[in-house]
Amino acid sequence: MIAFLNPHSIKFRFTALGIGLVLIGLVARLILGPPVVSAQVQELIAAQQHSIASYIARDVDQHVRMRLNNIEALAQQLPPALLADPARLQHWIQERQRSSPLFNSGLMVVHPEGRGLLGEFPVIPGRAGLDYRHSDWFAGAWRAHGAVLGRPARGRASGDPLIIMAAAVRDDRGNPRAILAGVSLLNTRGFLDKFMEARLGDSGGYALVSPADKLIIAASDPELVLQPTPAPGLDALHDRAMMGFRGSGVSVNAQGEEELATMVEVPHTGWFVVARTPMAEALKPAIALRQYSLRTSLVVLALLSILFVLLLPRLLRPLDQASSAIRAMADGGQPLAPLALERQDEVGQLVRGFNLLVARLQTQEAALKASEARLAFMAHHDPLTRLPNRTLLETRLQLAISQSRIRDNQLALLFCDLDGFKAINDEYGHEVGDAILVQVAERLLDGRRSGDTVARLGGDEFVLLLTGLEQAELAARAVAEQCLAGIRRPFLVQEQEQHLGISIGITVHEGGDASVSRLLSQADMAMYQAKRAGKNSFAFYQDLPGPS
């Protein structure tokens, strides 16, 4: 009460002219505020969905491309002579599946006529006697000169949802002799299991859709897996997505509920990822804010309606000055900065509060920039060793290929795989294994030039990229010998010495056109040659024997 009777108090002055303007302001806020907030919340949720869906789409694409490259490389490595020797063929398939188990339901070699199998591992009851002549992947691999991606379906032998990737095994003349196929189950670990387990918010989720097949490949809801997409006409946004639209919008689910949905293309597959959140859940903050605004507005109106009188324009001049300065800062007319504190009344308190907010905003902005820098680093680096990951390696390799062609120099790619690491990891646990991987990364980095790249692809696989070389083969040989010597030294972890070897595959590029996947595949094949030669050694891609 004393504050209201004080003629120097701004509350006392507000009792003159404020009631009408306050009433108009409160009503306007209740009418105009909630729709604006709802639109902003929807836009923010859509942006978040797009970011997550884009990450998932890139991850799915990486899984698919890795398996397609693997099955194509294995088809090129399979000697046609083994097709006539079932025992040796079975042993060959078993070795490849165990050394690179990308296909969680195994590998199989299909008879050239499509009836039955020449070999498989692991052996699935009933699979060897099936007729594959009418399978889309069989016909596609027979015609294509690379790996093909089959239509997702339920396995005829197991009944589980699966997808098959295949490539033709060709003789020296390029004629197909058989079809090598890799089978990945969609509902087990190793392919899309993390995608199917993911959730978005409390009740949202994801779906992976093949528009060409009109099929839901994978989804957070297990009941939707391998189900046909909704019929045309039920959902306009879904119809647009099936015709190629990628973006965000409001759709209607099977229960008639509105959802905020975002579609992102999965490169190289023709599929797209759908991220969806019920509108009721997405707009919860806006609804809560509207209810809160209504309650607080009624309370404020009831209180201030007793106090406001007719002299508001003249008495609010100090507030107008502060408001103008704040508005100019918000519009970008002047930089965000604390206001000068000249009064000790309510205006002074407002200025002090604004200055505190400015300080906090500047602190939060600095923290946000630091967080963005960390996220950018983690997107291109391995979290354990902090080495570049596959994405950054491929970017640098593509740049190195271009520079090699322009500057007429050479580059070398060393594909490294640890020998004996799995046994140590299984016996002593992942903590010891991770500590060893960190030490391996440090030893591989030792002696590298500033322009070289040491990357970790995952597991115990590392890649060294050497650029700007005049004699690439000699340089690669020297680096490979240095790596062999470095890895031979004992690793001291938890006061115990561990011993490892390393197999290194080397490919050299001397300018001209080349693809990133081709060079990585060449180095990978050379690495397997080093392993077959006894491990703990290195081999060049050009030294690999041709198919027998």
Protein backbone atom coordinates (compact mmCIF):
# COMPACT_ATOMS: atom_id res chain seq x y z
CA MET A 1 0.00 0.00 0.00
CA ILE A 2 2.87 2.42 0.74
CA ALA A 3 4.18 1.96 -2.82
CA PHE A 4 0.83 2.88 -4.29
CA LEU A 5 0.66 6.09 -2.20
CA ASN A 6 4.19 7.17 -3.13
CA PRO A 7 3.98 9.84 -5.88
CA HIS A 8 7.43 8.80 -7.15
CA SER A 9 6.25 5.18 -7.67
CA ILE A 10 5.41 4.17 -11.19
CA LYS A 11 2.62 2.01 -9.81
CA PHE A 12 0.97 5.15 -8.42
CA ARG A 13 1.23 6.88 -11.79
CA PHE A 14 -0.16 3.82 -13.64
CA THR A 15 -3.44 4.26 -11.76
CA ALA A 16 -4.25 7.35 -13.91
CA LEU A 17 -4.58 6.21 -17.55
CA GLY A 18 -3.55 2.55 -17.77
CA ILE A 19 -6.72 0.51 -17.42
CA GLY A 20 -7.95 0.86 -21.00
CA LEU A 21 -4.60 0.18 -22.67
CA VAL A 22 -3.84 -2.77 -20.38
CA LEU A 23 -7.21 -4.31 -21.20
CA ILE A 24 -6.60 -3.96 -24.95
CA GLY A 25 -3.07 -5.37 -24.62
CA LEU A 26 -4.18 -8.40 -22.62
CA VAL A 27 -7.03 -9.21 -25.00
CA ALA A 28 -4.75 -8.85 -28.01
CA ARG A 29 -2.20 -11.18 -26.42
CA LEU A 30 -4.84 -13.82 -25.74
CA ILE A 31 -6.18 -13.64 -29.29
CA LEU A 32 -3.00 -13.27 -31.33
CA GLY A 33 -0.38 -14.96 -29.16
CA PRO A 34 -1.40 -18.66 -29.14
CA PRO A 35 -1.62 -19.10 -32.96
CA VAL A 36 1.82 -17.55 -33.39
CA VAL A 37 3.30 -19.74 -30.65
CA SER A 38 1.63 -22.86 -32.12
CA ALA A 39 3.08 -22.10 -35.55
CA GLN A 40 6.55 -21.55 -34.10
CA VAL A 41 6.39 -24.75 -32.03
CA GLN A 42 5.25 -26.73 -35.09
CA GLU A 43 8.11 -25.25 -37.13
CA LEU A 44 10.63 -26.11 -34.40
CA ILE A 45 9.37 -29.71 -34.08
CA ALA A 46 9.45 -30.10 -37.88
CA ALA A 47 13.06 -28.88 -37.98
CA GLN A 48 14.00 -31.30 -35.20
CA GLN A 49 12.27 -34.17 -37.01
CA HIS A 50 14.05 -33.32 -40.25
CA SER A 51 17.43 -33.29 -38.52
CA ILE A 52 16.86 -36.68 -36.86
CA ALA A 53 15.30 -38.24 -39.97
CA SER A 54 18.22 -37.00 -42.11
CA TYR A 55 20.69 -38.64 -39.74
CA ILE A 56 18.69 -41.91 -39.83
CA ALA A 57 18.47 -41.77 -43.65
CA ARG A 58 22.24 -41.35 -43.95
CA ASP A 59 22.78 -44.22 -41.52
CA VAL A 60 20.42 -46.54 -43.45
CA ASP A 61 22.08 -45.53 -46.72
CA GLN A 62 25.51 -46.28 -45.27
CA HIS A 63 24.36 -49.73 -44.11
CA VAL A 64 22.90 -50.54 -47.53
CA ARG A 65 25.88 -49.23 -49.53
CA MET A 66 28.33 -51.04 -47.27
CA ARG A 67 26.53 -54.33 -47.88
CA LEU A 68 26.14 -53.75 -51.61
CA ASN A 69 29.86 -53.00 -51.89
CA ASN A 70 30.65 -56.06 -49.80
CA ILE A 71 28.53 -58.49 -51.85
CA GLU A 72 29.92 -57.05 -55.10
CA ALA A 73 33.50 -57.42 -53.85
CA LEU A 74 32.87 -60.99 -52.69
CA ALA A 75 31.31 -61.89 -56.06
CA GLN A 76 34.44 -60.59 -57.78
CA GLN A 77 36.68 -62.53 -55.38
CA LEU A 78 34.85 -65.87 -55.73
CA PRO A 79 36.86 -68.09 -58.13
CA PRO A 80 34.43 -69.63 -60.67
CA ALA A 81 36.34 -72.93 -60.37
CA LEU A 82 34.94 -73.38 -56.84
CA LEU A 83 31.40 -73.62 -58.23
CA ALA A 84 32.16 -77.18 -59.31
CA ASP A 85 33.62 -78.14 -55.92
CA PRO A 86 30.87 -77.97 -53.23
CA ALA A 87 33.19 -78.67 -50.28
CA ARG A 88 35.70 -75.95 -51.18
CA LEU A 89 32.87 -73.56 -52.09
CA GLN A 90 31.21 -74.14 -48.71
CA HIS A 91 34.53 -73.51 -46.94
CA TRP A 92 35.06 -70.30 -48.97
CA ILE A 93 31.59 -68.99 -48.08
CA GLN A 94 32.08 -69.87 -44.41
CA GLU A 95 35.40 -68.02 -44.23
CA ARG A 96 33.98 -64.86 -45.87
CA GLN A 97 30.90 -64.83 -43.65
CA ARG A 98 32.95 -65.19 -40.47
CA SER A 99 35.54 -62.59 -41.47
CA SER A 100 32.96 -59.99 -42.55
CA PRO A 101 29.51 -60.84 -41.12
CA LEU A 102 27.58 -57.95 -42.64
CA PHE A 103 24.68 -60.24 -43.60
CA ASN A 104 23.17 -61.55 -40.37
CA SER A 105 21.38 -64.43 -42.14
CA GLY A 106 24.42 -65.48 -44.10
CA LEU A 107 25.65 -65.85 -47.67
CA MET A 108 24.42 -68.23 -50.35
CA VAL A 109 25.48 -69.12 -53.90
CA VAL A 110 22.48 -69.76 -56.15
CA HIS A 111 22.56 -72.27 -59.00
CA PRO A 112 22.79 -70.48 -62.37
CA GLU A 113 19.38 -71.88 -63.35
CA GLY A 114 17.87 -70.51 -60.16
CA ARG A 115 16.85 -73.88 -58.72
CA GLY A 116 18.51 -74.52 -55.38
CA LEU A 117 21.86 -73.52 -53.94
CA LEU A 118 25.44 -74.50 -54.68
CA GLY A 119 26.45 -73.53 -51.15
CA GLU A 120 25.42 -71.46 -48.13
CA PHE A 121 26.54 -70.47 -44.64
CA PRO A 122 24.99 -70.71 -42.19
CA VAL A 123 22.75 -73.52 -43.35
CA ILE A 124 19.06 -72.56 -43.06
CA PRO A 125 16.69 -75.53 -43.21
CA GLY A 126 14.62 -75.49 -46.39
CA ARG A 127 16.57 -72.71 -48.10
CA ALA A 128 18.71 -74.92 -50.33
CA GLY A 129 15.70 -76.44 -52.12
CA LEU A 130 13.87 -73.22 -53.03
CA ASP A 131 13.29 -71.99 -56.59
CA TYR A 132 14.80 -68.52 -57.03
CA ARG A 133 14.15 -68.04 -60.73
CA HIS A 134 11.33 -65.57 -60.22
CA SER A 135 13.01 -63.58 -57.44
CA ASP A 136 13.62 -59.97 -58.45
CA TRP A 137 17.15 -59.91 -57.02
CA PHE A 138 18.08 -63.09 -58.95
CA ALA A 139 16.95 -61.68 -62.29
CA GLY A 140 18.46 -58.28 -61.52
CA ALA A 141 21.87 -59.66 -60.53
CA TRP A 142 21.94 -61.87 -63.61
CA ARG A 143 21.59 -58.82 -65.87
CA ALA A 144 23.52 -56.21 -63.87
CA HIS A 145 27.29 -55.77 -63.72
CA GLY A 146 27.20 -54.88 -60.05
CA ALA A 147 25.30 -55.54 -56.86
CA VAL A 148 21.50 -55.23 -56.79
CA LEU A 149 19.07 -54.64 -53.93
CA GLY A 150 16.11 -56.98 -53.70
CA ARG A 151 12.57 -56.21 -52.63
CA PRO A 152 12.03 -56.59 -48.86
CA ALA A 153 9.88 -59.66 -48.14
CA ARG A 154 9.32 -62.48 -45.70
CA GLY A 155 11.71 -65.40 -46.14
CA ARG A 156 10.11 -68.48 -47.64
CA ALA A 157 12.27 -70.73 -45.47
CA SER A 158 12.26 -68.81 -42.16
CA GLY A 159 9.18 -66.60 -42.44
CA ASP A 160 11.18 -63.67 -41.01
CA PRO A 161 11.24 -60.23 -42.70
CA LEU A 162 14.42 -59.92 -44.75
CA ILE A 163 16.12 -58.20 -47.64
CA ILE A 164 18.54 -59.79 -50.12
CA MET A 165 21.44 -58.15 -51.94
CA ALA A 166 23.05 -60.06 -54.79
CA ALA A 167 25.74 -59.91 -57.47
CA ALA A 168 26.69 -62.25 -60.32
CA VAL A 169 29.81 -64.42 -60.16
CA ARG A 170 31.37 -64.07 -63.62
CA ASP A 171 34.11 -65.94 -65.47
CA ASP A 172 37.09 -64.39 -67.27
CA ARG A 173 34.87 -63.45 -70.22
CA GLY A 174 32.34 -61.70 -68.02
CA ASN A 175 29.67 -64.38 -68.36
CA PRO A 176 27.57 -65.04 -65.23
CA ARG A 177 28.22 -68.46 -63.69
CA ALA A 178 26.17 -68.17 -60.49
CA ILE A 179 24.57 -65.61 -58.19
CA LEU A 180 26.13 -64.72 -54.81
CA ALA A 181 23.48 -63.39 -52.41
CA GLY A 182 23.65 -61.95 -48.89
CA VAL A 183 20.60 -62.15 -46.63
CA SER A 184 19.90 -59.58 -43.91
CA LEU A 185 17.06 -60.08 -41.44
CA LEU A 186 15.22 -56.86 -40.61
CA ASN A 187 14.19 -57.89 -37.08
CA THR A 188 17.58 -58.98 -35.67
CA ARG A 189 20.79 -57.19 -34.78
CA GLY A 190 23.13 -56.13 -37.51
CA PHE A 191 21.03 -54.09 -39.97
CA LEU A 192 17.85 -52.10 -39.17
CA ASP A 193 17.30 -53.22 -35.56
CA LYS A 194 18.24 -49.84 -34.04
CA PHE A 195 15.92 -48.10 -36.49
CA MET A 196 13.02 -50.37 -35.48
CA GLU A 197 13.68 -49.77 -31.77
CA ALA A 198 13.79 -45.97 -32.04
CA ARG A 199 11.02 -43.75 -30.73
CA LEU A 200 10.26 -40.05 -31.23
CA GLY A 201 8.93 -38.39 -28.10
CA ASP A 202 6.29 -40.19 -26.05
CA SER A 203 4.18 -41.63 -28.86
CA GLY A 204 5.91 -40.75 -32.16
CA GLY A 205 8.10 -42.99 -34.24
CA TYR A 206 9.75 -43.72 -37.57
CA ALA A 207 9.05 -45.74 -40.70
CA LEU A 208 11.20 -46.72 -43.67
CA VAL A 209 9.12 -46.80 -46.86
CA SER A 210 9.81 -48.14 -50.36
CA PRO A 211 7.51 -46.16 -52.70
CA ALA A 212 8.39 -48.33 -55.69
CA ASP A 213 7.23 -51.45 -53.82
CA LYS A 214 4.44 -49.59 -51.93
CA LEU A 215 5.81 -51.28 -48.82
CA ILE A 216 6.79 -50.30 -45.28
CA ILE A 217 10.24 -51.88 -44.85
CA ALA A 218 10.82 -51.12 -41.17
CA ALA A 219 9.03 -49.16 -38.48
CA SER A 220 9.05 -48.35 -34.78
CA ASP A 221 5.72 -50.23 -34.63
CA PRO A 222 6.54 -53.93 -35.29
CA GLU A 223 3.04 -54.52 -36.68
CA LEU A 224 3.78 -52.20 -39.63
CA VAL A 225 6.88 -54.09 -40.84
CA LEU A 226 6.42 -55.33 -44.44
CA GLN A 227 2.88 -54.00 -44.51
CA PRO A 228 1.60 -52.24 -47.65
CA THR A 229 1.48 -48.46 -47.61
CA PRO A 230 -1.93 -46.80 -47.14
CA ALA A 231 -4.16 -46.75 -50.21
CA PRO A 232 -4.17 -43.54 -52.28
CA GLY A 233 -6.71 -40.95 -51.20
CA LEU A 234 -6.61 -41.67 -47.47
CA ASP A 235 -3.86 -39.18 -46.65
CA ALA A 236 -2.92 -36.33 -49.01
CA LEU A 237 0.56 -35.88 -47.51
CA HIS A 238 1.31 -39.60 -47.85
CA ASP A 239 0.16 -39.50 -51.48
CA ARG A 240 2.54 -36.60 -52.15
CA ALA A 241 5.40 -38.45 -50.45
CA MET A 242 4.80 -41.51 -52.64
CA MET A 243 5.04 -39.21 -55.67
CA GLY A 244 8.38 -37.73 -54.56
CA PHE A 245 7.62 -34.98 -52.05
CA ARG A 246 10.21 -34.68 -49.27
CA GLY A 247 9.64 -32.29 -46.41
CA SER A 248 7.24 -31.73 -43.52
CA GLY A 249 3.49 -31.43 -43.21
CA VAL A 250 0.41 -32.59 -41.35
CA SER A 251 -0.90 -36.08 -42.11
CA VAL A 252 -3.73 -38.25 -40.79
CA ASN A 253 -2.97 -41.71 -39.39
CA ALA A 254 -5.13 -44.83 -39.55
CA GLN A 255 -6.94 -43.79 -36.35
CA GLY A 256 -7.91 -40.43 -37.86
CA GLU A 257 -5.46 -38.47 -35.67
CA GLU A 258 -3.40 -35.63 -37.09
CA GLU A 259 0.38 -36.08 -37.04
CA LEU A 260 3.30 -33.84 -37.87
CA ALA A 261 5.29 -35.91 -40.40
CA THR A 262 8.67 -35.33 -42.03
CA MET A 263 9.93 -37.29 -45.05
CA VAL A 264 13.66 -37.56 -45.94
CA GLU A 265 15.10 -39.43 -48.93
CA VAL A 266 17.50 -42.35 -48.40
CA PRO A 267 20.10 -41.95 -51.19
CA HIS A 268 20.92 -44.79 -53.60
CA THR A 269 17.82 -46.83 -52.60
CA GLY A 270 14.68 -44.95 -53.64
CA TRP A 271 13.38 -45.33 -50.06
CA PHE A 272 12.46 -42.57 -47.66
CA VAL A 273 12.35 -42.18 -43.87
CA VAL A 274 9.20 -40.89 -42.20
CA ALA A 275 9.43 -39.27 -38.76
CA ARG A 276 6.04 -38.62 -37.18
CA THR A 277 4.74 -37.02 -33.97
CA PRO A 278 1.04 -36.69 -33.01
CA MET A 279 -0.04 -33.06 -33.23
CA ALA A 280 -1.52 -33.29 -29.73
CA GLU A 281 1.93 -34.14 -28.38
CA ALA A 282 3.82 -31.67 -30.61
CA LEU A 283 1.62 -28.74 -29.55
CA LYS A 284 1.60 -29.52 -25.83
CA PRO A 285 3.89 -26.53 -25.03
CA ALA A 286 1.68 -24.15 -27.02
CA ILE A 287 -1.49 -25.47 -25.36
CA ALA A 288 0.07 -25.19 -21.91
CA LEU A 289 1.29 -21.68 -22.70
CA ARG A 290 -2.17 -20.65 -23.88
CA GLN A 291 -3.79 -21.93 -20.68
CA TYR A 292 -1.13 -20.26 -18.58
CA SER A 293 -1.52 -17.01 -20.49
CA LEU A 294 -5.28 -17.09 -20.01
CA ARG A 295 -5.01 -17.62 -16.26
CA THR A 296 -2.31 -15.04 -15.72
CA SER A 297 -4.02 -12.52 -17.98
CA LEU A 298 -7.23 -12.75 -16.01
CA VAL A 299 -5.34 -12.28 -12.74
CA VAL A 300 -3.31 -9.37 -14.07
CA LEU A 301 -6.39 -7.72 -15.58
CA ALA A 302 -8.29 -8.00 -12.30
CA LEU A 303 -5.39 -6.44 -10.39
CA LEU A 304 -4.38 -3.71 -12.77
CA SER A 305 -7.90 -2.65 -13.72
CA ILE A 306 -8.15 -1.14 -10.22
CA LEU A 307 -4.89 0.79 -10.64
CA PHE A 308 -4.82 2.18 -14.17
CA VAL A 309 -6.11 5.71 -14.83
CA LEU A 310 -5.87 8.36 -17.53
CA LEU A 311 -2.28 9.66 -17.48
CA LEU A 312 -0.51 6.65 -19.06
CA PRO A 313 1.08 8.25 -22.19
CA ARG A 314 3.02 10.89 -20.27
CA LEU A 315 4.00 8.71 -17.35
CA LEU A 316 5.16 5.76 -19.49
CA ARG A 317 7.80 7.80 -21.31
CA PRO A 318 10.70 6.14 -19.43
CA LEU A 319 9.30 2.72 -20.31
CA ASP A 320 8.86 3.80 -23.92
CA GLN A 321 12.51 4.78 -24.09
CA ALA A 322 13.61 1.44 -22.70
CA SER A 323 11.15 -0.38 -24.96
CA SER A 324 12.44 1.45 -28.04
CA ALA A 325 16.01 0.49 -27.22
CA ILE A 326 15.02 -3.16 -26.66
CA ARG A 327 13.00 -3.22 -29.90
CA ALA A 328 15.93 -1.78 -31.84
CA MET A 329 18.12 -4.54 -30.46
CA ALA A 330 15.54 -7.19 -31.37
CA ASP A 331 15.22 -5.82 -34.93
CA GLY A 332 18.99 -5.68 -35.38
CA GLY A 333 19.17 -1.91 -35.50
CA GLN A 334 21.75 -1.86 -32.72
CA PRO A 335 23.83 -4.55 -31.02
CA LEU A 336 22.52 -6.36 -27.97
CA ALA A 337 23.96 -4.58 -24.96
CA PRO A 338 22.97 -3.59 -21.38
CA LEU A 339 20.91 -0.44 -20.98
CA ALA A 340 22.11 2.52 -18.95
CA LEU A 341 20.71 2.45 -15.40
CA GLU A 342 19.60 6.00 -14.51
CA ARG A 343 16.57 5.47 -12.23
CA GLN A 344 15.92 3.65 -8.97
CA ASP A 345 12.18 3.06 -9.41
CA GLU A 346 10.36 0.27 -11.27
CA VAL A 347 11.90 1.33 -14.58
CA GLY A 348 15.31 0.87 -13.00
CA GLN A 349 14.32 -2.62 -11.88
CA LEU A 350 13.16 -3.43 -15.39
CA VAL A 351 16.45 -2.22 -16.83
CA ARG A 352 18.41 -4.27 -14.29
CA GLY A 353 16.34 -7.34 -15.19
CA PHE A 354 16.91 -6.76 -18.90
CA ASN A 355 20.63 -6.32 -18.35
CA LEU A 356 20.72 -9.62 -16.44
CA LEU A 357 18.84 -11.27 -19.32
CA VAL A 358 21.35 -9.83 -21.82
CA ALA A 359 24.22 -11.27 -19.80
CA ARG A 360 22.56 -14.68 -19.67
CA LEU A 361 21.75 -14.63 -23.38
CA GLN A 362 25.35 -13.81 -24.22
CA THR A 363 26.50 -16.68 -21.99
CA GLN A 364 23.99 -19.07 -23.59
CA GLU A 365 25.03 -17.96 -27.07
CA ALA A 366 28.66 -18.72 -26.28
CA ALA A 367 27.67 -22.12 -24.88
CA LEU A 368 25.55 -22.85 -27.98
CA LYS A 369 28.43 -22.03 -30.31
CA ALA A 370 30.71 -24.32 -28.30
CA SER A 371 28.07 -27.09 -28.41
CA GLU A 372 27.67 -26.69 -32.18
CA ALA A 373 31.43 -26.97 -32.59
CA ARG A 374 31.44 -30.19 -30.54
CA LEU A 375 28.56 -31.65 -32.54
CA ALA A 376 30.29 -30.76 -35.81
CA PHE A 377 33.43 -32.51 -34.58
CA MET A 378 31.58 -35.64 -33.44
CA ALA A 379 29.72 -35.89 -36.77
CA HIS A 380 33.03 -36.41 -38.57
CA HIS A 381 35.18 -38.17 -35.96
CA ASP A 382 35.25 -41.46 -34.10
CA PRO A 383 34.13 -40.84 -30.48
CA LEU A 384 36.64 -43.33 -29.01
CA THR A 385 39.91 -42.52 -30.82
CA ARG A 386 38.87 -39.02 -32.03
CA LEU A 387 40.21 -39.99 -35.44
CA PRO A 388 38.30 -39.00 -38.60
CA ASN A 389 35.41 -41.38 -39.31
CA ARG A 390 34.33 -42.88 -42.62
CA THR A 391 32.39 -39.76 -43.67
CA LEU A 392 35.36 -37.42 -43.21
CA LEU A 393 37.75 -39.98 -44.74
CA GLU A 394 35.62 -40.24 -47.89
CA THR A 395 35.48 -36.45 -48.16
CA ARG A 396 39.27 -36.11 -47.82
CA LEU A 397 39.86 -39.02 -50.20
CA GLN A 398 37.63 -37.42 -52.85
CA LEU A 399 39.55 -34.15 -52.44
CA ALA A 400 42.88 -36.00 -52.64
CA ILE A 401 41.82 -37.69 -55.89
CA SER A 402 40.96 -34.31 -57.42
CA GLN A 403 44.22 -32.72 -56.22
CA SER A 404 46.21 -35.71 -57.50
CA ARG A 405 44.75 -35.21 -60.97
CA ILE A 406 45.34 -31.42 -60.94
CA ARG A 407 48.84 -31.44 -59.39
CA ASP A 408 50.00 -34.60 -61.19
CA ASN A 409 51.10 -36.38 -58.02
CA GLN A 410 50.18 -39.66 -56.37
CA LEU A 411 48.36 -40.91 -53.31
CA ALA A 412 48.32 -44.16 -51.35
CA LEU A 413 45.58 -45.77 -49.29
CA LEU A 414 46.48 -48.26 -46.52
CA PHE A 415 43.59 -50.40 -45.18
CA CYS A 416 44.60 -51.80 -41.77
CA ASP A 417 42.92 -54.58 -39.79
CA LEU A 418 44.25 -55.72 -36.40
CA ASP A 419 45.26 -59.38 -36.02
CA GLY A 420 44.31 -60.97 -32.70
CA PHE A 421 42.25 -58.06 -31.40
CA LYS A 422 38.96 -59.96 -31.22
CA ALA A 423 40.46 -62.62 -28.92
CA ILE A 424 41.74 -59.95 -26.52
CA ASN A 425 38.44 -58.06 -26.66
CA ASP A 426 36.45 -61.24 -25.93
CA GLU A 427 38.73 -62.37 -23.11
CA TYR A 428 39.40 -59.09 -21.30
CA GLY A 429 36.31 -57.08 -22.21
CA HIS A 430 35.53 -53.92 -24.14
CA GLU A 431 37.27 -51.64 -21.64
CA VAL A 432 40.63 -53.24 -22.39
CA GLY A 433 39.78 -53.42 -26.10
CA ASP A 434 38.94 -49.71 -26.22
CA ALA A 435 42.16 -48.81 -24.41
CA ILE A 436 44.13 -50.82 -26.99
CA LEU A 437 42.30 -49.13 -29.88
CA VAL A 438 43.26 -45.72 -28.48
CA GLN A 439 46.91 -46.80 -28.29
CA VAL A 440 46.73 -48.21 -31.83
CA ALA A 441 45.41 -44.85 -33.06
CA GLU A 442 48.30 -43.03 -31.34
CA ARG A 443 50.88 -45.36 -32.91
CA LEU A 444 49.36 -45.04 -36.37
CA LEU A 445 49.44 -41.25 -35.99
CA ASP A 446 53.08 -41.28 -34.91
CA GLY A 447 55.25 -39.95 -37.71
CA ARG A 448 52.42 -38.91 -40.03
CA ARG A 449 52.62 -35.69 -41.99
CA SER A 450 50.16 -32.86 -41.46
CA GLY A 451 48.51 -33.59 -44.82
CA ASP A 452 48.02 -37.31 -44.13
CA THR A 453 44.84 -38.77 -42.65
CA VAL A 454 44.48 -41.62 -40.16
CA ALA A 455 40.82 -42.70 -39.88
CA ARG A 456 38.92 -45.38 -38.01
CA LEU A 457 36.13 -47.09 -39.95
CA GLY A 458 34.80 -48.99 -36.93
CA GLY A 459 35.76 -52.08 -34.94
CA ASP A 460 39.46 -52.75 -35.46
CA GLU A 461 39.68 -51.29 -38.98
CA PHE A 462 41.83 -48.22 -39.67
CA VAL A 463 42.71 -46.44 -42.92
CA LEU A 464 45.76 -44.28 -43.68
CA LEU A 465 45.55 -41.78 -46.56
CA LEU A 466 48.90 -40.50 -47.83
CA THR A 467 48.70 -37.61 -50.31
CA GLY A 468 50.98 -35.44 -52.42
CA LEU A 469 53.45 -38.30 -53.09
CA GLU A 470 56.05 -38.52 -55.85
CA GLN A 471 56.80 -42.22 -55.35
CA ALA A 472 53.66 -43.52 -53.73
CA GLU A 473 54.63 -47.18 -53.64
CA LEU A 474 57.92 -46.53 -51.81
CA ALA A 475 56.27 -44.14 -49.38
CA ALA A 476 53.40 -46.57 -48.70
CA ARG A 477 55.84 -49.42 -48.14
CA ALA A 478 57.83 -47.35 -45.64
CA VAL A 479 54.69 -46.30 -43.75
CA ALA A 480 53.39 -49.89 -43.75
CA GLU A 481 56.65 -51.16 -42.27
CA GLN A 482 56.52 -48.40 -39.66
CA CYS A 483 52.96 -49.41 -38.75
CA LEU A 484 53.93 -53.08 -38.52
CA ALA A 485 56.81 -52.20 -36.21
CA GLY A 486 54.63 -49.92 -34.09
CA ILE A 487 51.88 -52.50 -33.59
CA ARG A 488 54.39 -55.27 -32.75
CA ARG A 489 55.38 -53.39 -29.62
CA PRO A 490 53.49 -54.69 -26.56
CA PHE A 491 50.40 -52.82 -25.42
CA LEU A 492 50.34 -52.17 -21.68
CA VAL A 493 46.75 -52.09 -20.38
CA GLN A 494 45.80 -52.53 -16.72
CA GLU A 495 49.40 -53.59 -15.92
CA GLN A 496 49.23 -56.43 -18.47
CA GLU A 497 51.04 -56.70 -21.78
CA GLN A 498 48.98 -57.55 -24.83
CA HIS A 499 50.38 -58.44 -28.25
CA LEU A 500 48.76 -57.73 -31.61
CA GLY A 501 49.57 -57.87 -35.28
CA ILE A 502 48.21 -55.90 -38.19
CA SER A 503 47.38 -56.79 -41.78
CA ILE A 504 47.66 -53.94 -44.27
CA GLY A 505 46.25 -53.68 -47.77
CA ILE A 506 47.70 -50.96 -50.00
CA THR A 507 46.42 -49.37 -53.19
CA VAL A 508 48.20 -46.61 -55.08
CA HIS A 509 46.51 -43.99 -57.26
CA GLU A 510 48.64 -42.13 -59.80
CA GLY A 511 46.18 -39.52 -61.06
CA GLY A 512 43.24 -39.77 -63.42
CA ASP A 513 39.67 -40.61 -62.52
CA ALA A 514 38.85 -42.95 -59.65
CA SER A 515 36.00 -43.34 -57.20
CA VAL A 516 36.28 -43.32 -53.42
CA SER A 517 34.48 -46.65 -53.12
CA ARG A 518 36.77 -48.24 -55.70
CA LEU A 519 39.99 -47.25 -53.92
CA LEU A 520 38.61 -48.36 -50.54
CA SER A 521 37.51 -51.67 -52.07
CA GLN A 522 40.94 -52.20 -53.64
CA ALA A 523 42.73 -51.54 -50.35
CA ASP A 524 40.25 -53.80 -48.53
CA MET A 525 40.88 -56.68 -50.95
CA ALA A 526 44.63 -56.22 -50.61
CA MET A 527 44.26 -56.36 -46.81
CA TYR A 528 42.48 -59.71 -47.04
CA GLN A 529 45.32 -60.92 -49.28
CA ALA A 530 47.78 -59.95 -46.51
CA LYS A 531 45.70 -61.92 -44.00
CA ARG A 532 45.62 -64.94 -46.26
CA ALA A 533 49.37 -64.69 -46.67
CA GLY A 534 49.88 -65.23 -42.95
CA LYS A 535 48.76 -61.96 -41.33
CA ASN A 536 50.98 -59.30 -39.74
CA SER A 537 52.16 -58.22 -43.18
CA PHE A 538 51.15 -55.97 -46.05
CA ALA A 539 50.16 -56.50 -49.66
CA PHE A 540 49.67 -54.20 -52.63
CA TYR A 541 46.47 -54.33 -54.67
CA GLN A 542 48.35 -54.72 -57.97
CA ASP A 543 50.07 -57.84 -56.58
CA LEU A 544 46.78 -59.69 -56.02
CA PRO A 545 46.41 -62.86 -58.12
CA GLY A 546 43.63 -62.83 -60.73
CA PRO A 547 40.65 -65.23 -60.55
CA SER A 548 41.54 -68.83 -61.34
